[in-house]
Amino acid sequence: MPPITHEDLFVSITFKELSEKQQQINEAMHQYIQCIRDAAKEVLENYTCSLSLDSKHWKAINGHDYPYVYIDSGEPADLEVDLTSGCRFSIATVTEGTPRSCSQYLVPVEIYVEKDELHIKVGEHSQYSKIFFPVDSKAKYSEISEAIKDCVMLQMNGVSFGRQSASPITRWSQ
């Protein structure tokens, strides 16, 4: 067997091969971003449907229509997606829309891919929080909608009125 030379250790890579590889990366990146945005759209649509709204909008005093349910940072197609951590946004739910005001609650949602499975986290650490995976069916999106409703209800139950005074200080027993 002939000895291995310095030239044998290096493989000649052409610009065309580098360019093709970059195209594959760009296509995979586009598919990943689209997967996350499609999941956000499905969460929003499924949740909105699950509320059985009479109308998707309420009318303000200025005559404009506003949605009862929306993503606080814009449309799903415009969400900023990180290639590692996916995307984070909040779903806003208007529980009372009158011409002069509205009451709304925000529920944090995080969508990401881990080990080739779509994960959706609803809520945050300071309140109810649940991670759903793999998210691969309409039934799973229905579970996510129920979790969003649970978060809204928990926030509504936490509404307090008046000043909250500190707990009374009691002396230790003597």
N, C-alpha and C. Protein backbone atom coordinates (compact mmCIF):
# COMPACT_ATOMS: atom_id res chain seq x y z
N MET A 1 0.85 -1.17 0.00
CA MET A 1 0.00 0.00 0.00
C MET A 1 0.90 1.24 0.00
N PRO A 2 0.60 2.20 -0.91
CA PRO A 2 1.45 3.39 -0.98
C PRO A 2 1.19 4.31 0.20
N PRO A 3 2.14 5.09 0.61
CA PRO A 3 1.96 6.01 1.75
C PRO A 3 0.95 7.11 1.39
N ILE A 4 0.25 7.62 2.41
CA ILE A 4 -0.72 8.71 2.23
C ILE A 4 0.05 10.01 2.13
N THR A 5 -0.27 10.78 1.10
CA THR A 5 0.42 12.06 0.90
C THR A 5 -0.47 13.20 1.39
N HIS A 6 0.14 14.37 1.48
CA HIS A 6 -0.56 15.58 1.91
C HIS A 6 -1.75 15.87 0.99
N GLU A 7 -1.60 15.67 -0.30
CA GLU A 7 -2.67 15.93 -1.27
C GLU A 7 -3.84 14.98 -1.07
N ASP A 8 -3.57 13.75 -0.60
CA ASP A 8 -4.63 12.77 -0.37
C ASP A 8 -5.55 13.18 0.78
N LEU A 9 -5.05 13.97 1.71
CA LEU A 9 -5.84 14.36 2.87
C LEU A 9 -6.88 15.44 2.56
N PHE A 10 -6.66 16.19 1.51
CA PHE A 10 -7.56 17.29 1.17
C PHE A 10 -8.44 16.92 -0.01
N VAL A 11 -9.73 17.15 0.14
CA VAL A 11 -10.67 16.90 -0.93
C VAL A 11 -10.92 18.24 -1.62
N SER A 12 -10.97 18.22 -2.90
CA SER A 12 -11.19 19.44 -3.65
C SER A 12 -12.69 19.74 -3.68
N ILE A 13 -13.07 20.84 -3.07
CA ILE A 13 -14.47 21.28 -3.06
C ILE A 13 -14.58 22.46 -3.99
N THR A 14 -15.58 22.41 -4.85
CA THR A 14 -15.75 23.49 -5.82
C THR A 14 -16.76 24.52 -5.31
N PHE A 15 -16.74 25.68 -5.94
CA PHE A 15 -17.70 26.72 -5.60
C PHE A 15 -19.12 26.24 -5.85
N LYS A 16 -19.31 25.49 -6.90
CA LYS A 16 -20.63 24.97 -7.23
C LYS A 16 -21.17 24.11 -6.08
N GLU A 17 -20.32 23.27 -5.50
CA GLU A 17 -20.74 22.42 -4.37
C GLU A 17 -21.08 23.26 -3.15
N LEU A 18 -20.28 24.30 -2.89
CA LEU A 18 -20.57 25.19 -1.77
C LEU A 18 -21.90 25.90 -1.99
N SER A 19 -22.13 26.36 -3.21
CA SER A 19 -23.36 27.05 -3.55
C SER A 19 -24.58 26.13 -3.39
N GLU A 20 -24.47 24.90 -3.84
CA GLU A 20 -25.56 23.93 -3.70
C GLU A 20 -25.85 23.65 -2.24
N LYS A 21 -24.81 23.53 -1.45
CA LYS A 21 -24.98 23.30 -0.02
C LYS A 21 -25.71 24.48 0.63
N GLN A 22 -25.33 25.71 0.24
CA GLN A 22 -25.99 26.89 0.78
C GLN A 22 -27.45 26.92 0.39
N GLN A 23 -27.78 26.51 -0.82
CA GLN A 23 -29.18 26.44 -1.25
C GLN A 23 -29.97 25.45 -0.40
N GLN A 24 -29.36 24.32 -0.09
CA GLN A 24 -30.02 23.32 0.77
C GLN A 24 -30.28 23.90 2.16
N ILE A 25 -29.30 24.63 2.68
CA ILE A 25 -29.46 25.26 4.00
C ILE A 25 -30.58 26.29 3.95
N ASN A 26 -30.59 27.12 2.91
CA ASN A 26 -31.63 28.15 2.77
C ASN A 26 -33.02 27.53 2.67
N GLU A 27 -33.16 26.45 1.92
CA GLU A 27 -34.46 25.77 1.79
C GLU A 27 -34.90 25.18 3.13
N ALA A 28 -33.98 24.55 3.85
CA ALA A 28 -34.30 23.98 5.16
C ALA A 28 -34.69 25.08 6.14
N MET A 29 -34.00 26.22 6.09
CA MET A 29 -34.31 27.34 6.97
C MET A 29 -35.70 27.88 6.65
N HIS A 30 -36.02 28.02 5.38
CA HIS A 30 -37.34 28.51 4.98
C HIS A 30 -38.44 27.55 5.45
N GLN A 31 -38.21 26.25 5.30
CA GLN A 31 -39.19 25.25 5.75
C GLN A 31 -39.39 25.31 7.26
N TYR A 32 -38.31 25.49 8.01
CA TYR A 32 -38.39 25.59 9.48
C TYR A 32 -39.21 26.82 9.88
N ILE A 33 -38.88 27.95 9.30
CA ILE A 33 -39.59 29.19 9.62
C ILE A 33 -41.07 29.05 9.25
N GLN A 34 -41.35 28.48 8.09
CA GLN A 34 -42.74 28.31 7.67
C GLN A 34 -43.49 27.35 8.59
N CYS A 35 -42.83 26.30 9.05
CA CYS A 35 -43.44 25.34 9.98
C CYS A 35 -43.87 26.05 11.27
N ILE A 36 -43.00 26.90 11.81
CA ILE A 36 -43.30 27.63 13.05
C ILE A 36 -44.45 28.60 12.81
N ARG A 37 -44.40 29.34 11.72
CA ARG A 37 -45.47 30.31 11.42
C ARG A 37 -46.80 29.62 11.15
N ASP A 38 -46.77 28.49 10.47
CA ASP A 38 -48.00 27.74 10.23
C ASP A 38 -48.60 27.24 11.54
N ALA A 39 -47.75 26.81 12.47
CA ALA A 39 -48.24 26.35 13.77
C ALA A 39 -48.87 27.52 14.54
N ALA A 40 -48.26 28.70 14.47
CA ALA A 40 -48.83 29.88 15.14
C ALA A 40 -50.20 30.22 14.55
N LYS A 41 -50.30 30.14 13.24
CA LYS A 41 -51.59 30.41 12.57
C LYS A 41 -52.63 29.39 13.00
N GLU A 42 -52.24 28.13 13.09
CA GLU A 42 -53.18 27.07 13.50
C GLU A 42 -53.63 27.26 14.95
N VAL A 43 -52.68 27.64 15.83
CA VAL A 43 -53.05 27.91 17.23
C VAL A 43 -54.08 29.02 17.28
N LEU A 44 -53.81 30.13 16.58
CA LEU A 44 -54.71 31.28 16.60
C LEU A 44 -56.09 30.91 16.04
N GLU A 45 -56.12 30.24 14.89
CA GLU A 45 -57.40 29.89 14.27
C GLU A 45 -58.19 28.89 15.11
N ASN A 46 -57.51 27.88 15.64
CA ASN A 46 -58.18 26.86 16.45
C ASN A 46 -58.75 27.48 17.72
N TYR A 47 -57.94 28.31 18.37
CA TYR A 47 -58.39 28.97 19.61
C TYR A 47 -59.59 29.88 19.33
N THR A 48 -59.50 30.68 18.27
CA THR A 48 -60.60 31.58 17.93
C THR A 48 -61.88 30.78 17.67
N CYS A 49 -61.77 29.71 16.91
CA CYS A 49 -62.93 28.85 16.63
C CYS A 49 -63.51 28.24 17.90
N SER A 50 -62.63 27.84 18.81
CA SER A 50 -63.08 27.16 20.04
C SER A 50 -63.88 28.07 20.96
N LEU A 51 -63.79 29.38 20.75
CA LEU A 51 -64.51 30.32 21.61
C LEU A 51 -65.97 30.51 21.19
N SER A 52 -66.35 30.00 20.03
CA SER A 52 -67.72 30.13 19.52
C SER A 52 -68.20 31.59 19.55
N LEU A 53 -67.39 32.46 19.01
CA LEU A 53 -67.73 33.89 18.99
C LEU A 53 -68.89 34.16 18.05
N ASP A 54 -69.78 35.09 18.44
CA ASP A 54 -70.85 35.52 17.54
C ASP A 54 -70.27 36.30 16.37
N SER A 55 -69.22 37.04 16.66
CA SER A 55 -68.53 37.84 15.65
C SER A 55 -67.04 37.80 15.99
N LYS A 56 -66.19 37.89 14.99
CA LYS A 56 -64.75 37.88 15.26
C LYS A 56 -64.25 39.27 15.68
N HIS A 57 -65.11 40.30 15.55
CA HIS A 57 -64.70 41.67 15.83
C HIS A 57 -65.69 42.39 16.73
N TRP A 58 -65.21 43.42 17.41
CA TRP A 58 -66.06 44.33 18.16
C TRP A 58 -65.80 45.73 17.62
N LYS A 59 -66.76 46.62 17.76
CA LYS A 59 -66.66 47.96 17.18
C LYS A 59 -66.38 49.00 18.27
N ALA A 60 -65.33 49.78 18.05
CA ALA A 60 -64.95 50.84 18.98
C ALA A 60 -65.73 52.12 18.66
N ILE A 61 -65.63 53.10 19.55
CA ILE A 61 -66.35 54.35 19.38
C ILE A 61 -65.92 55.09 18.12
N ASN A 62 -64.68 54.83 17.67
CA ASN A 62 -64.19 55.49 16.45
C ASN A 62 -64.71 54.81 15.18
N GLY A 63 -65.52 53.76 15.34
CA GLY A 63 -66.11 53.06 14.21
C GLY A 63 -65.26 51.93 13.64
N HIS A 64 -64.05 51.77 14.16
CA HIS A 64 -63.18 50.70 13.67
C HIS A 64 -63.54 49.37 14.32
N ASP A 65 -63.34 48.32 13.55
CA ASP A 65 -63.52 46.97 14.07
C ASP A 65 -62.20 46.46 14.60
N TYR A 66 -62.24 45.80 15.75
CA TYR A 66 -61.06 45.20 16.37
C TYR A 66 -61.34 43.74 16.66
N PRO A 67 -60.36 42.87 16.49
CA PRO A 67 -60.60 41.44 16.72
C PRO A 67 -60.71 41.10 18.22
N TYR A 68 -61.50 40.11 18.51
CA TYR A 68 -61.59 39.61 19.88
C TYR A 68 -60.34 38.80 20.24
N VAL A 69 -59.74 38.18 19.24
CA VAL A 69 -58.54 37.35 19.46
C VAL A 69 -57.50 37.73 18.42
N TYR A 70 -56.27 37.97 18.88
CA TYR A 70 -55.20 38.32 17.94
C TYR A 70 -53.83 38.05 18.58
N ILE A 71 -52.82 38.02 17.73
CA ILE A 71 -51.44 37.90 18.22
C ILE A 71 -50.92 39.30 18.43
N ASP A 72 -50.37 39.55 19.61
CA ASP A 72 -49.96 40.91 19.98
C ASP A 72 -48.88 41.49 19.09
N SER A 73 -48.07 40.67 18.46
CA SER A 73 -46.95 41.18 17.66
C SER A 73 -47.23 41.15 16.16
N GLY A 74 -48.45 40.96 15.77
CA GLY A 74 -48.79 41.00 14.35
C GLY A 74 -49.39 39.70 13.84
N GLU A 75 -49.32 39.52 12.55
CA GLU A 75 -49.87 38.34 11.91
C GLU A 75 -48.90 37.16 12.01
N PRO A 76 -49.42 35.93 12.03
CA PRO A 76 -48.53 34.76 12.10
C PRO A 76 -47.47 34.75 10.99
N ALA A 77 -47.84 35.19 9.80
CA ALA A 77 -46.89 35.19 8.68
C ALA A 77 -45.73 36.16 8.88
N ASP A 78 -45.89 37.11 9.81
CA ASP A 78 -44.85 38.12 10.05
C ASP A 78 -44.04 37.86 11.32
N LEU A 79 -44.33 36.78 12.02
CA LEU A 79 -43.62 36.51 13.27
C LEU A 79 -42.13 36.33 13.03
N GLU A 80 -41.33 36.88 13.93
CA GLU A 80 -39.89 36.71 13.86
C GLU A 80 -39.55 35.34 14.45
N VAL A 81 -38.85 34.54 13.66
CA VAL A 81 -38.52 33.17 14.08
C VAL A 81 -37.01 33.04 14.22
N ASP A 82 -36.58 32.60 15.40
CA ASP A 82 -35.17 32.32 15.64
C ASP A 82 -34.91 30.87 15.24
N LEU A 83 -33.78 30.61 14.60
CA LEU A 83 -33.51 29.27 14.10
C LEU A 83 -33.22 28.26 15.21
N THR A 84 -32.96 28.73 16.41
CA THR A 84 -32.74 27.82 17.54
C THR A 84 -33.95 27.75 18.46
N SER A 85 -34.45 28.92 18.85
CA SER A 85 -35.51 28.93 19.86
C SER A 85 -36.91 29.12 19.31
N GLY A 86 -37.08 29.17 18.00
CA GLY A 86 -38.42 29.30 17.43
C GLY A 86 -38.96 30.71 17.58
N CYS A 87 -40.20 30.83 18.07
CA CYS A 87 -40.76 32.17 18.26
C CYS A 87 -41.60 32.23 19.53
N ARG A 88 -41.72 33.43 20.03
CA ARG A 88 -42.53 33.71 21.22
C ARG A 88 -43.45 34.88 20.89
N PHE A 89 -44.67 34.78 21.36
CA PHE A 89 -45.65 35.84 21.17
C PHE A 89 -46.72 35.65 22.22
N SER A 90 -47.64 36.57 22.28
CA SER A 90 -48.79 36.44 23.18
C SER A 90 -50.07 36.49 22.38
N ILE A 91 -51.01 35.66 22.78
CA ILE A 91 -52.34 35.71 22.19
C ILE A 91 -53.19 36.59 23.10
N ALA A 92 -53.77 37.62 22.51
CA ALA A 92 -54.64 38.53 23.25
C ALA A 92 -56.08 38.07 23.07
N THR A 93 -56.80 38.05 24.18
CA THR A 93 -58.22 37.70 24.16
C THR A 93 -59.00 38.86 24.76
N VAL A 94 -59.85 39.47 23.97
CA VAL A 94 -60.70 40.55 24.46
C VAL A 94 -61.94 39.88 25.02
N THR A 95 -62.17 40.09 26.31
CA THR A 95 -63.33 39.46 26.95
C THR A 95 -64.53 40.38 27.03
N GLU A 96 -64.30 41.66 26.77
CA GLU A 96 -65.40 42.61 26.75
C GLU A 96 -65.00 43.76 25.84
N GLY A 97 -65.68 43.89 24.75
CA GLY A 97 -65.41 44.99 23.83
C GLY A 97 -66.61 45.91 23.77
N THR A 98 -66.45 47.10 24.31
CA THR A 98 -67.52 48.10 24.26
C THR A 98 -67.00 49.25 23.40
N PRO A 99 -67.89 50.12 22.96
CA PRO A 99 -67.43 51.23 22.12
C PRO A 99 -66.31 52.06 22.75
N ARG A 100 -66.30 52.18 24.06
CA ARG A 100 -65.31 53.05 24.71
C ARG A 100 -64.08 52.33 25.25
N SER A 101 -64.17 51.04 25.49
CA SER A 101 -63.01 50.34 26.08
C SER A 101 -63.10 48.84 25.83
N CYS A 102 -62.04 48.17 26.23
CA CYS A 102 -62.06 46.72 26.15
C CYS A 102 -61.26 46.13 27.30
N SER A 103 -61.63 44.93 27.69
CA SER A 103 -60.87 44.18 28.68
C SER A 103 -60.20 43.04 27.93
N GLN A 104 -58.89 42.92 28.11
CA GLN A 104 -58.20 41.86 27.40
C GLN A 104 -57.16 41.21 28.29
N TYR A 105 -56.82 39.97 27.93
CA TYR A 105 -55.83 39.19 28.66
C TYR A 105 -54.84 38.61 27.66
N LEU A 106 -53.57 38.63 28.04
CA LEU A 106 -52.50 38.11 27.18
C LEU A 106 -51.99 36.79 27.71
N VAL A 107 -51.85 35.81 26.83
CA VAL A 107 -51.31 34.50 27.19
C VAL A 107 -50.06 34.25 26.36
N PRO A 108 -48.91 34.09 27.02
CA PRO A 108 -47.67 33.83 26.29
C PRO A 108 -47.69 32.45 25.62
N VAL A 109 -47.18 32.39 24.40
CA VAL A 109 -47.07 31.14 23.64
C VAL A 109 -45.66 31.07 23.07
N GLU A 110 -45.07 29.91 23.13
CA GLU A 110 -43.76 29.69 22.56
C GLU A 110 -43.84 28.46 21.65
N ILE A 111 -43.31 28.57 20.43
CA ILE A 111 -43.34 27.47 19.47
C ILE A 111 -41.91 27.20 19.03
N TYR A 112 -41.50 25.96 19.12
CA TYR A 112 -40.14 25.59 18.72
C TYR A 112 -40.09 24.13 18.31
N VAL A 113 -38.99 23.74 17.70
CA VAL A 113 -38.78 22.34 17.31
C VAL A 113 -37.64 21.80 18.15
N GLU A 114 -37.88 20.63 18.73
CA GLU A 114 -36.85 19.95 19.51
C GLU A 114 -36.85 18.48 19.10
N LYS A 115 -35.70 17.98 18.74
CA LYS A 115 -35.56 16.59 18.28
C LYS A 115 -36.57 16.27 17.19
N ASP A 116 -36.69 17.17 16.23
CA ASP A 116 -37.57 17.02 15.07
C ASP A 116 -39.05 16.94 15.41
N GLU A 117 -39.44 17.39 16.61
CA GLU A 117 -40.85 17.42 16.99
C GLU A 117 -41.26 18.84 17.33
N LEU A 118 -42.45 19.22 16.87
CA LEU A 118 -42.98 20.54 17.16
C LEU A 118 -43.47 20.58 18.60
N HIS A 119 -43.01 21.59 19.35
CA HIS A 119 -43.41 21.80 20.73
C HIS A 119 -44.12 23.16 20.82
N ILE A 120 -45.18 23.22 21.60
CA ILE A 120 -45.86 24.48 21.85
C ILE A 120 -46.07 24.61 23.35
N LYS A 121 -45.53 25.71 23.89
CA LYS A 121 -45.66 25.99 25.32
C LYS A 121 -46.67 27.11 25.50
N VAL A 122 -47.59 26.91 26.42
CA VAL A 122 -48.63 27.89 26.72
C VAL A 122 -48.45 28.33 28.16
N GLY A 123 -48.48 29.65 28.39
CA GLY A 123 -48.31 30.18 29.74
C GLY A 123 -46.85 30.45 30.04
N GLU A 124 -46.61 30.85 31.30
CA GLU A 124 -45.25 31.11 31.73
C GLU A 124 -45.06 30.63 33.15
N HIS A 125 -43.83 30.70 33.64
CA HIS A 125 -43.50 30.12 34.95
C HIS A 125 -44.30 30.72 36.10
N SER A 126 -44.63 32.00 36.03
CA SER A 126 -45.31 32.63 37.16
C SER A 126 -46.78 32.24 37.25
N GLN A 127 -47.27 31.58 36.28
CA GLN A 127 -48.66 31.13 36.27
C GLN A 127 -48.72 29.72 35.70
N TYR A 128 -49.87 29.30 35.31
CA TYR A 128 -50.07 28.02 34.65
C TYR A 128 -49.17 27.94 33.42
N SER A 129 -48.52 26.84 33.23
CA SER A 129 -47.66 26.65 32.07
C SER A 129 -47.69 25.19 31.67
N LYS A 130 -47.79 24.93 30.37
CA LYS A 130 -47.83 23.55 29.90
C LYS A 130 -47.18 23.48 28.53
N ILE A 131 -46.39 22.41 28.31
CA ILE A 131 -45.75 22.18 27.02
C ILE A 131 -46.43 21.00 26.34
N PHE A 132 -46.80 21.21 25.09
CA PHE A 132 -47.46 20.17 24.29
C PHE A 132 -46.49 19.68 23.22
N PHE A 133 -46.32 18.36 23.14
CA PHE A 133 -45.49 17.78 22.07
C PHE A 133 -45.78 16.30 21.97
N PRO A 134 -45.60 15.68 20.85
CA PRO A 134 -45.47 16.37 19.57
C PRO A 134 -46.81 16.96 19.16
N VAL A 135 -46.77 18.12 18.55
CA VAL A 135 -47.99 18.76 18.07
C VAL A 135 -48.14 18.32 16.62
N ASP A 136 -49.01 17.33 16.44
CA ASP A 136 -49.13 16.71 15.11
C ASP A 136 -50.56 16.36 14.73
N SER A 137 -51.54 16.96 15.45
CA SER A 137 -52.93 16.63 15.13
C SER A 137 -53.85 17.77 15.55
N LYS A 138 -55.05 17.77 14.98
CA LYS A 138 -56.08 18.75 15.35
C LYS A 138 -56.43 18.60 16.83
N ALA A 139 -56.43 17.36 17.32
CA ALA A 139 -56.75 17.12 18.73
C ALA A 139 -55.75 17.83 19.64
N LYS A 140 -54.48 17.83 19.26
CA LYS A 140 -53.46 18.50 20.07
C LYS A 140 -53.67 20.01 20.06
N TYR A 141 -54.06 20.56 18.90
CA TYR A 141 -54.35 21.99 18.83
C TYR A 141 -55.57 22.34 19.68
N SER A 142 -56.53 21.42 19.78
CA SER A 142 -57.69 21.65 20.65
C SER A 142 -57.27 21.67 22.12
N GLU A 143 -56.35 20.79 22.50
CA GLU A 143 -55.82 20.81 23.87
C GLU A 143 -55.11 22.13 24.15
N ILE A 144 -54.38 22.63 23.17
CA ILE A 144 -53.67 23.90 23.33
C ILE A 144 -54.68 25.03 23.52
N SER A 145 -55.77 25.01 22.77
CA SER A 145 -56.82 26.03 22.92
C SER A 145 -57.40 26.01 24.33
N GLU A 146 -57.63 24.82 24.85
CA GLU A 146 -58.16 24.71 26.22
C GLU A 146 -57.16 25.26 27.24
N ALA A 147 -55.88 25.03 27.01
CA ALA A 147 -54.85 25.55 27.92
C ALA A 147 -54.82 27.07 27.87
N ILE A 148 -55.00 27.65 26.69
CA ILE A 148 -55.04 29.11 26.58
C ILE A 148 -56.23 29.65 27.36
N LYS A 149 -57.38 29.00 27.22
CA LYS A 149 -58.58 29.42 27.98
C LYS A 149 -58.34 29.31 29.48
N ASP A 150 -57.66 28.24 29.92
CA ASP A 150 -57.33 28.10 31.34
C ASP A 150 -56.48 29.27 31.82
N CYS A 151 -55.51 29.68 31.01
CA CYS A 151 -54.65 30.81 31.38
C CYS A 151 -55.45 32.11 31.48
N VAL A 152 -56.36 32.33 30.54
CA VAL A 152 -57.19 33.53 30.59
C VAL A 152 -58.04 33.51 31.86
N MET A 153 -58.64 32.35 32.14
CA MET A 153 -59.50 32.24 33.33
C MET A 153 -58.69 32.47 34.61
N LEU A 154 -57.48 31.93 34.67
CA LEU A 154 -56.63 32.16 35.85
C LEU A 154 -56.32 33.63 36.02
N GLN A 155 -56.06 34.32 34.93
CA GLN A 155 -55.80 35.76 35.02
C GLN A 155 -57.05 36.50 35.49
N MET A 156 -58.20 36.10 35.00
CA MET A 156 -59.45 36.74 35.41
C MET A 156 -59.72 36.49 36.90
N ASN A 157 -59.42 35.29 37.35
CA ASN A 157 -59.61 34.98 38.77
C ASN A 157 -58.65 35.74 39.66
N GLY A 158 -57.53 36.20 39.10
CA GLY A 158 -56.53 36.92 39.89
C GLY A 158 -56.76 38.41 39.97
N VAL A 159 -57.85 38.91 39.37
CA VAL A 159 -58.13 40.35 39.42
C VAL A 159 -58.46 40.73 40.86
N SER A 160 -57.81 41.78 41.34
CA SER A 160 -58.08 42.22 42.71
C SER A 160 -58.57 43.66 42.68
N PHE A 161 -59.27 44.04 43.71
CA PHE A 161 -59.84 45.37 43.81
C PHE A 161 -59.30 46.05 45.05
N GLY A 162 -59.03 47.31 44.96
CA GLY A 162 -58.52 48.06 46.11
C GLY A 162 -57.04 47.78 46.33
N ARG A 163 -56.52 48.41 47.34
CA ARG A 163 -55.11 48.23 47.67
C ARG A 163 -54.93 46.91 48.40
N GLN A 164 -53.84 46.30 48.11
CA GLN A 164 -53.50 45.05 48.79
C GLN A 164 -52.51 45.39 49.90
N SER A 165 -52.96 45.27 51.15
CA SER A 165 -52.06 45.61 52.25
C SER A 165 -51.22 44.38 52.60
N ALA A 166 -50.11 44.65 53.20
CA ALA A 166 -49.22 43.57 53.61
C ALA A 166 -49.88 42.74 54.70
N SER A 167 -49.47 41.52 54.80
CA SER A 167 -50.00 40.65 55.87
C SER A 167 -49.62 41.28 57.22
N PRO A 168 -50.54 41.17 58.17
CA PRO A 168 -50.23 41.77 59.49
C PRO A 168 -49.02 41.08 60.12
N ILE A 169 -48.24 41.86 60.81
CA ILE A 169 -47.06 41.33 61.51
C ILE A 169 -47.51 40.93 62.90
N THR A 170 -47.26 39.71 63.23
CA THR A 170 -47.61 39.25 64.58
C THR A 170 -46.34 38.96 65.34
N ARG A 171 -46.42 39.16 66.62
CA ARG A 171 -45.27 38.90 67.47
C ARG A 171 -45.19 37.42 67.76
N TRP A 172 -43.99 36.96 67.95
CA TRP A 172 -43.82 35.56 68.28
C TRP A 172 -44.28 35.31 69.70
N SER A 173 -44.62 34.10 69.98
CA SER A 173 -45.12 33.80 71.33
C SER A 173 -43.98 33.92 72.33
N GLN A 174 -44.36 34.40 73.49
CA GLN A 174 -43.34 34.61 74.51
C GLN A 174 -43.33 33.52 75.53
